[in-house]
């Protein structure tokens, strides 16, 4: 793994796939995705790319780019219970991933920061 790479793509892919396996067991998300006609496979692929960039990009300008992407893609008002469930599910999946604890913490911090923009 190159020294500037914090988390390799294969681990990001594993994280996202396991996360959606869990998330798609939640009836409220299944219903929401169906109502909004979300292509879940496309969503998964976009999430893989997004999280890879999020964790591996150390450029301070990237934070602004990522927060803008979150604001654009989540322009709707987020249901607070659903947002908490999403975040709890993501964190549980991160915890279960076989990666360095420091990387887990960094990823959780970056995701928490971005989730604060959802619905705002």
C-alpha atoms as a PDB file:
ATOM      1  CA  UNK A   1       0.000   0.000   0.000  1.00  0.00           C
ATOM      2  CA  UNK A   2       1.501   3.402  -0.939  1.00  0.00           C
ATOM      3  CA  UNK A   3       2.545   5.396   2.126  1.00  0.00           C
ATOM      4  CA  UNK A   4       0.063   8.220   1.487  1.00  0.00           C
ATOM      5  CA  UNK A   5      -2.883   5.805   1.269  1.00  0.00           C
ATOM      6  CA  UNK A   6      -4.668   5.525   4.615  1.00  0.00           C
ATOM      7  CA  UNK A   7      -7.167   2.862   3.569  1.00  0.00           C
ATOM      8  CA  UNK A   8      -6.964   0.754   0.435  1.00  0.00           C
ATOM      9  CA  UNK A   9      -9.902   0.509  -1.972  1.00  0.00           C
ATOM     10  CA  UNK A  10     -10.542  -3.154  -1.156  1.00  0.00           C
ATOM     11  CA  UNK A  11     -11.161  -2.317   2.517  1.00  0.00           C
ATOM     12  CA  UNK A  12     -13.399   0.624   1.582  1.00  0.00           C
ATOM     13  CA  UNK A  13     -15.367  -1.691  -0.730  1.00  0.00           C
ATOM     14  CA  UNK A  14     -15.692  -4.252   2.076  1.00  0.00           C
ATOM     15  CA  UNK A  15     -16.895  -1.553   4.477  1.00  0.00           C
ATOM     16  CA  UNK A  16     -19.522  -0.179   2.095  1.00  0.00           C
ATOM     17  CA  UNK A  17     -20.802  -3.603   1.050  1.00  0.00           C
ATOM     18  CA  UNK A  18     -21.159  -4.781   4.656  1.00  0.00           C
ATOM     19  CA  UNK A  19     -22.764  -1.471   5.616  1.00  0.00           C
ATOM     20  CA  UNK A  20     -25.456  -1.779   2.941  1.00  0.00           C
ATOM     21  CA  UNK A  21     -26.055  -5.436   3.837  1.00  0.00           C
ATOM     22  CA  UNK A  22     -26.960  -4.180   7.308  1.00  0.00           C
ATOM     23  CA  UNK A  23     -28.774  -1.036   6.215  1.00  0.00           C
ATOM     24  CA  UNK A  24     -30.996  -2.899   3.766  1.00  0.00           C
ATOM     25  CA  UNK A  25     -32.339  -4.958   6.658  1.00  0.00           C
ATOM     26  CA  UNK A  26     -33.882  -1.775   8.079  1.00  0.00           C
ATOM     27  CA  UNK A  27     -37.477  -1.383   6.828  1.00  0.00           C
ATOM     28  CA  UNK A  28     -37.400   2.433   6.930  1.00  0.00           C
ATOM     29  CA  UNK A  29     -34.437   2.549   4.559  1.00  0.00           C
ATOM     30  CA  UNK A  30     -35.878  -0.078   2.249  1.00  0.00           C
ATOM     31  CA  UNK A  31     -39.102   1.957   2.063  1.00  0.00           C
ATOM     32  CA  UNK A  32     -37.257   5.265   1.589  1.00  0.00           C
ATOM     33  CA  UNK A  33     -35.073   3.871  -1.191  1.00  0.00           C
ATOM     34  CA  UNK A  34     -38.122   2.405  -2.936  1.00  0.00           C
ATOM     35  CA  UNK A  35     -40.156   5.643  -2.592  1.00  0.00           C
ATOM     36  CA  UNK A  36     -37.272   7.731  -3.948  1.00  0.00           C
ATOM     37  CA  UNK A  37     -36.531   5.169  -6.659  1.00  0.00           C
ATOM     38  CA  UNK A  38     -32.919   4.903  -5.546  1.00  0.00           C
ATOM     39  CA  UNK A  39     -30.664   2.646  -7.584  1.00  0.00           C
ATOM     40  CA  UNK A  40     -28.999   0.982  -4.592  1.00  0.00           C
ATOM     41  CA  UNK A  41     -26.215  -0.556  -6.685  1.00  0.00           C
ATOM     42  CA  UNK A  42     -25.315   2.879  -8.059  1.00  0.00           C
ATOM     43  CA  UNK A  43     -25.517   4.313  -4.544  1.00  0.00           C
ATOM     44  CA  UNK A  44     -23.115   1.647  -3.270  1.00  0.00           C
ATOM     45  CA  UNK A  45     -20.613   2.365  -6.053  1.00  0.00           C
ATOM     46  CA  UNK A  46     -20.772   6.119  -5.405  1.00  0.00           C
ATOM     47  CA  UNK A  47     -20.373   5.536  -1.669  1.00  0.00           C
ATOM     48  CA  UNK A  48     -17.257   3.415  -2.273  1.00  0.00           C
ATOM     49  CA  UNK A  49     -15.670   6.207  -4.278  1.00  0.00           C
ATOM     50  CA  UNK A  50     -16.769   8.900  -1.823  1.00  0.00           C
ATOM     51  CA  UNK A  51     -15.466   7.133   1.297  1.00  0.00           C
ATOM     52  CA  UNK A  52     -12.181   6.251  -0.430  1.00  0.00           C
ATOM     53  CA  UNK A  53     -11.644   9.919  -1.232  1.00  0.00           C
ATOM     54  CA  UNK A  54     -12.855  11.021   2.190  1.00  0.00           C
ATOM     55  CA  UNK A  55     -10.416   8.874   4.166  1.00  0.00           C
ATOM     56  CA  UNK A  56      -7.432   9.154   1.832  1.00  0.00           C
ATOM     57  CA  UNK A  57      -7.517  12.841   0.936  1.00  0.00           C
ATOM     58  CA  UNK A  58      -5.588  14.946   3.432  1.00  0.00           C
ATOM     59  CA  UNK A  59      -6.002  18.182   1.471  1.00  0.00           C
ATOM     60  CA  UNK A  60      -7.908  20.706   3.660  1.00  0.00           C
ATOM     61  CA  UNK A  61      -9.871  21.883   0.595  1.00  0.00           C
ATOM     62  CA  UNK A  62     -11.283  18.371   0.264  1.00  0.00           C
ATOM     63  CA  UNK A  63     -13.372  18.865   3.418  1.00  0.00           C
ATOM     64  CA  UNK A  64     -15.267  21.670   1.724  1.00  0.00           C
ATOM     65  CA  UNK A  65     -15.718  19.603  -1.440  1.00  0.00           C
ATOM     66  CA  UNK A  66     -17.067  16.634   0.531  1.00  0.00           C
ATOM     67  CA  UNK A  67     -19.422  18.748   2.628  1.00  0.00           C
ATOM     68  CA  UNK A  68     -20.771  20.367  -0.563  1.00  0.00           C
ATOM     69  CA  UNK A  69     -21.370  16.917  -2.067  1.00  0.00           C
ATOM     70  CA  UNK A  70     -23.264  15.844   1.040  1.00  0.00           C
ATOM     71  CA  UNK A  71     -25.377  19.013   0.998  1.00  0.00           C
ATOM     72  CA  UNK A  72     -26.213  18.561  -2.706  1.00  0.00           C
ATOM     73  CA  UNK A  73     -27.094  14.882  -2.468  1.00  0.00           C
ATOM     74  CA  UNK A  74     -29.040  15.249   0.767  1.00  0.00           C
ATOM     75  CA  UNK A  75     -30.948  18.433   0.073  1.00  0.00           C
ATOM     76  CA  UNK A  76     -34.068  16.923   1.640  1.00  0.00           C
ATOM     77  CA  UNK A  77     -34.739  17.262   5.368  1.00  0.00           C
ATOM     78  CA  UNK A  78     -33.244  14.216   7.022  1.00  0.00           C
ATOM     79  CA  UNK A  79     -35.362  12.271   9.457  1.00  0.00           C
ATOM     80  CA  UNK A  80     -33.340  12.485  12.723  1.00  0.00           C
ATOM     81  CA  UNK A  81     -34.097   8.877  13.692  1.00  0.00           C
ATOM     82  CA  UNK A  82     -33.097   7.624  10.260  1.00  0.00           C
ATOM     83  CA  UNK A  83     -29.915   9.718  10.306  1.00  0.00           C
ATOM     84  CA  UNK A  84     -28.981   8.274  13.709  1.00  0.00           C
ATOM     85  CA  UNK A  85     -29.698   4.740  12.496  1.00  0.00           C
ATOM     86  CA  UNK A  86     -27.561   5.361   9.390  1.00  0.00           C
ATOM     87  CA  UNK A  87     -24.682   6.667  11.496  1.00  0.00           C
ATOM     88  CA  UNK A  88     -24.968   3.913  14.123  1.00  0.00           C
ATOM     89  CA  UNK A  89     -24.987   1.289  11.379  1.00  0.00           C
ATOM     90  CA  UNK A  90     -21.966   2.847   9.681  1.00  0.00           C
ATOM     91  CA  UNK A  91     -20.031   3.050  12.953  1.00  0.00           C
ATOM     92  CA  UNK A  92     -20.854  -0.566  13.866  1.00  0.00           C
ATOM     93  CA  UNK A  93     -19.661  -1.652  10.432  1.00  0.00           C
ATOM     94  CA  UNK A  94     -16.452   0.377  10.803  1.00  0.00           C
ATOM     95  CA  UNK A  95     -15.890  -1.199  14.237  1.00  0.00           C
ATOM     96  CA  UNK A  96     -16.244  -4.685  12.735  1.00  0.00           C
ATOM     97  CA  UNK A  97     -13.766  -3.983   9.935  1.00  0.00           C
ATOM     98  CA  UNK A  98     -10.280  -5.422  10.363  1.00  0.00           C
ATOM     99  CA  UNK A  99      -8.319  -2.168  10.128  1.00  0.00           C
ATOM    100  CA  UNK A 100      -6.159  -0.042  12.422  1.00  0.00           C
ATOM    101  CA  UNK A 101      -8.082   1.596  15.293  1.00  0.00           C
ATOM    102  CA  UNK A 102      -6.615   5.000  14.415  1.00  0.00           C
ATOM    103  CA  UNK A 103      -7.996   4.689  10.886  1.00  0.00           C
ATOM    104  CA  UNK A 104     -11.377   3.693  12.325  1.00  0.00           C
ATOM    105  CA  UNK A 105     -11.397   6.766  14.546  1.00  0.00           C
ATOM    106  CA  UNK A 106     -10.360   9.101  11.709  1.00  0.00           C
ATOM    107  CA  UNK A 107     -13.052   7.700   9.442  1.00  0.00           C
ATOM    108  CA  UNK A 108     -15.708   8.052  12.151  1.00  0.00           C
ATOM    109  CA  UNK A 109     -14.682  11.652  12.807  1.00  0.00           C
ATOM    110  CA  UNK A 110     -14.807  12.579   9.124  1.00  0.00           C
ATOM    111  CA  UNK A 111     -18.192  10.903   8.633  1.00  0.00           C
ATOM    112  CA  UNK A 112     -19.606  12.524  11.792  1.00  0.00           C
ATOM    113  CA  UNK A 113     -18.516  15.922  10.575  1.00  0.00           C
ATOM    114  CA  UNK A 114     -20.164  15.371   7.189  1.00  0.00           C
ATOM    115  CA  UNK A 115     -23.355  13.969   8.692  1.00  0.00           C
ATOM    116  CA  UNK A 116     -23.790  17.197  10.608  1.00  0.00           C
ATOM    117  CA  UNK A 117     -24.586  18.814   7.227  1.00  0.00           C
ATOM    118  CA  UNK A 118     -27.438  16.440   6.357  1.00  0.00           C
ATOM    119  CA  UNK A 119     -30.728  18.271   6.547  1.00  0.00           C
ATOM    120  CA  UNK A 120     -29.120  21.685   7.152  1.00  0.00           C
END
